Protein backbone atom coordinates (compact mmCIF):
# COMPACT_ATOMS: atom_id res chain seq x y z
CA LEU A 1 -107.06 -68.69 -40.59
CA ILE A 2 -107.01 -69.83 -36.98
CA ASN A 3 -110.37 -68.17 -36.32
CA SER A 4 -111.89 -70.00 -39.29
CA LEU A 5 -111.00 -73.42 -37.88
CA ASP A 6 -113.40 -75.52 -35.85
CA LYS A 7 -112.74 -75.09 -32.15
CA SER A 8 -111.65 -78.45 -30.76
CA ASN A 9 -108.96 -80.08 -28.67
CA SER A 10 -106.96 -80.34 -31.89
CA THR A 11 -106.81 -76.56 -32.31
CA GLN A 12 -106.76 -75.08 -28.78
CA TYR A 13 -102.98 -74.74 -28.78
CA LEU A 14 -103.03 -72.51 -31.87
CA GLU A 15 -104.40 -69.51 -29.98
CA LYS A 16 -101.57 -69.79 -27.44
CA ILE A 17 -98.72 -69.58 -29.96
CA ASN A 18 -96.72 -66.37 -29.96
CA VAL A 19 -94.68 -65.55 -33.04
CA ILE A 20 -91.42 -63.78 -32.22
CA PHE A 21 -89.05 -62.39 -34.82
CA PHE A 22 -85.39 -62.50 -33.82
CA PRO A 23 -83.35 -60.21 -36.10
CA GLY A 24 -80.07 -62.11 -35.61
CA TRP A 25 -78.32 -59.64 -33.31
CA ASP A 26 -79.00 -57.28 -30.43
CA VAL A 27 -80.60 -54.34 -32.23
CA GLN A 28 -79.44 -51.99 -29.45
CA GLU A 29 -76.08 -52.23 -31.18
CA GLY A 30 -75.91 -51.08 -34.78
CA LEU A 31 -75.03 -53.69 -37.38
CA PHE A 32 -71.83 -51.88 -38.40
CA ASP A 33 -70.69 -51.68 -34.77
CA LEU A 34 -71.57 -55.33 -34.24
CA PHE A 35 -69.40 -56.43 -37.18
CA LYS A 36 -66.58 -54.15 -36.04
CA ASN A 37 -66.70 -55.46 -32.46
CA THR A 38 -66.83 -59.15 -33.43
CA ARG A 39 -64.40 -58.95 -36.35
CA ASP A 40 -61.43 -60.60 -34.59
CA ILE A 41 -63.52 -63.41 -33.10
CA ASP A 42 -65.34 -64.01 -36.39
CA ALA A 43 -62.04 -64.03 -38.32
CA ARG A 44 -60.65 -66.73 -36.01
CA ARG A 45 -63.86 -68.77 -36.28
CA LYS A 46 -64.07 -68.13 -40.04
CA SER A 47 -67.75 -67.37 -39.74
CA THR A 48 -69.90 -64.43 -38.78
CA SER A 49 -71.43 -65.03 -35.37
CA ALA A 50 -74.27 -62.51 -35.57
CA GLY A 51 -76.15 -60.55 -38.20
CA PRO A 52 -79.18 -60.79 -40.50
CA HIS A 53 -78.18 -64.31 -41.61
CA LYS A 54 -78.87 -65.43 -38.03
CA ALA A 55 -82.44 -64.07 -38.15
CA ASP A 56 -85.09 -66.49 -36.99
CA ILE A 57 -88.80 -66.76 -36.35
CA ARG A 58 -89.58 -68.40 -33.04
CA PHE A 59 -92.89 -69.93 -32.11
CA LEU A 60 -93.47 -69.90 -28.38
CA ILE A 61 -96.17 -71.21 -26.09
CA GLU A 62 -95.87 -69.68 -22.63
CA ASP A 63 -92.18 -68.87 -23.19
CA LEU A 64 -91.31 -72.41 -24.36
CA GLU A 65 -90.45 -73.38 -27.92
CA ALA A 66 -93.65 -74.73 -29.49
CA LYS A 67 -91.78 -77.72 -30.93
CA GLN A 68 -91.01 -78.85 -27.37
CA ILE A 69 -94.69 -78.91 -26.45
CA LEU A 70 -96.58 -79.84 -29.62
CA SER A 71 -96.96 -83.34 -31.03
CA ARG A 72 -95.58 -83.99 -34.50
CA GLY A 73 -99.11 -83.83 -35.92
CA GLU A 74 -99.78 -80.49 -34.23
CA GLN A 75 -96.46 -79.19 -35.54
CA LYS A 76 -97.34 -80.33 -39.05
CA LEU A 77 -100.78 -78.68 -38.92
CA PHE A 78 -99.25 -75.47 -37.57
CA SER A 79 -96.59 -75.43 -40.30
CA ILE A 80 -99.33 -75.85 -42.92
CA LEU A 81 -101.25 -72.95 -41.36
CA TRP A 82 -98.09 -70.83 -41.27
CA CYS A 83 -97.48 -71.46 -44.99
CA CYS A 84 -101.13 -70.69 -45.77
CA ALA A 85 -100.84 -67.41 -43.87
CA GLN A 86 -97.75 -66.51 -45.89
CA HIS A 87 -99.68 -67.33 -49.08
CA GLU A 88 -102.52 -65.04 -47.98
CA VAL A 89 -100.03 -62.18 -47.55
CA LEU A 90 -98.55 -62.87 -50.99
CA ARG A 91 -102.03 -62.92 -52.52
CA LYS A 92 -103.35 -59.80 -50.80
CA GLN A 93 -100.21 -57.65 -50.87
CA TYR A 94 -98.58 -58.68 -54.14
CA ASN A 95 -101.33 -60.44 -56.13
CA ILE A 96 -99.27 -63.65 -56.20
CA ASN A 97 -101.19 -66.92 -56.16
CA ALA A 98 -98.77 -69.36 -54.58
CA ILE A 99 -99.15 -73.13 -54.72
CA LEU A 100 -98.95 -75.07 -51.48
CA ILE A 101 -97.11 -78.38 -51.78
CA ILE A 102 -97.43 -80.85 -48.89
CA ASP A 103 -95.57 -84.14 -48.85
CA ASP A 104 -97.28 -87.17 -47.30
CA ILE A 105 -100.21 -85.23 -45.87
CA LYS A 106 -101.62 -88.07 -43.81
CA SER A 107 -98.41 -88.87 -41.96
CA GLU A 108 -98.33 -87.60 -38.38
CA LEU A 109 -101.92 -86.31 -38.51
CA ASP A 110 -104.33 -88.26 -36.34
CA ASP A 111 -108.00 -88.40 -37.37
CA SER A 112 -108.92 -85.31 -35.35
CA THR A 113 -106.07 -83.17 -36.71
CA PHE A 114 -106.69 -84.48 -40.20
CA LYS A 115 -110.33 -83.39 -39.95
CA VAL A 116 -109.13 -79.90 -39.01
CA PHE A 117 -106.96 -79.92 -42.14
CA THR A 118 -109.79 -81.01 -44.43
CA ASN A 119 -112.02 -78.28 -42.97
CA LEU A 120 -109.21 -75.77 -43.54
CA LEU A 121 -109.33 -76.55 -47.27
CA ASN A 122 -112.69 -74.74 -47.44
CA PHE A 123 -111.02 -71.45 -46.48
CA LEU A 124 -107.93 -71.53 -48.66
CA ASN A 125 -107.66 -69.51 -51.85
CA ASN A 126 -104.74 -71.28 -53.44
CA GLN A 127 -103.98 -74.48 -55.27
CA ILE A 128 -102.73 -77.35 -53.12
CA ILE A 129 -100.69 -80.29 -54.31
CA PHE A 130 -100.10 -83.06 -51.84
CA SER A 131 -98.82 -86.58 -51.82
CA CYS A 132 -100.39 -89.37 -49.86
CA ILE A 133 -99.53 -93.02 -49.57
CA ASP A 134 -102.97 -94.01 -48.28
CA ASP A 135 -105.67 -93.94 -50.98
CA HIS A 136 -108.31 -93.81 -48.22
CA PHE A 137 -107.41 -90.13 -47.83
CA SER A 138 -108.71 -89.03 -51.23
CA SER A 139 -112.11 -90.58 -50.54
CA LYS A 140 -112.49 -88.12 -47.64
CA ILE A 141 -111.58 -85.18 -49.88
CA GLU A 142 -113.17 -85.96 -53.26
CA PRO A 143 -116.88 -85.53 -52.43
CA ASN A 144 -116.33 -82.05 -50.96
CA PHE A 145 -114.31 -80.44 -53.73
CA ARG A 146 -115.39 -80.19 -57.36
CA GLU A 147 -111.94 -79.41 -58.65
CA PHE A 148 -110.17 -82.22 -56.82
CA LYS A 149 -107.88 -84.10 -59.20
CA LYS A 150 -106.19 -87.35 -58.33
CA PHE A 151 -103.41 -89.18 -60.08
CA HIS A 152 -101.40 -92.24 -59.25
CA VAL A 153 -97.62 -92.50 -59.48
CA GLU A 154 -95.94 -95.87 -59.62
CA GLN A 155 -92.33 -96.59 -58.89
CA LEU A 156 -90.44 -98.22 -61.74
CA LYS A 157 -88.24 -101.17 -60.86
């Protein structure tokens, strides 16, 4: 997905992101041994301090957490790309066509990052549902996509 995006200042950071999976404990120690060795401490704390429930995916840029470096718009675009990548795996590996739901798509995306997003839509193979407060957004999408559907929701008082 990253290779399909237009190369610009809005996407340069994407090629620098490293994805690190943290299993939730030091895998040098077996899980059974870990639980046995931390049992007394965990019993006092009334919670398990390590294990698969502590697993995490970390996104790093030059050994720093990406969220410390990226703007909110860049974080939002990256999270959309991450979800799209997961959907591609579901589609290719399990024949599952997931639906991507994005709340308030225009918030936090500047014009440049938003353009990257609209170009990304050309490469996605799944249905996308998004909300947007600004009606100006749909005018940028509608002409490019035949199957674009728009509806308006009003708040009842």
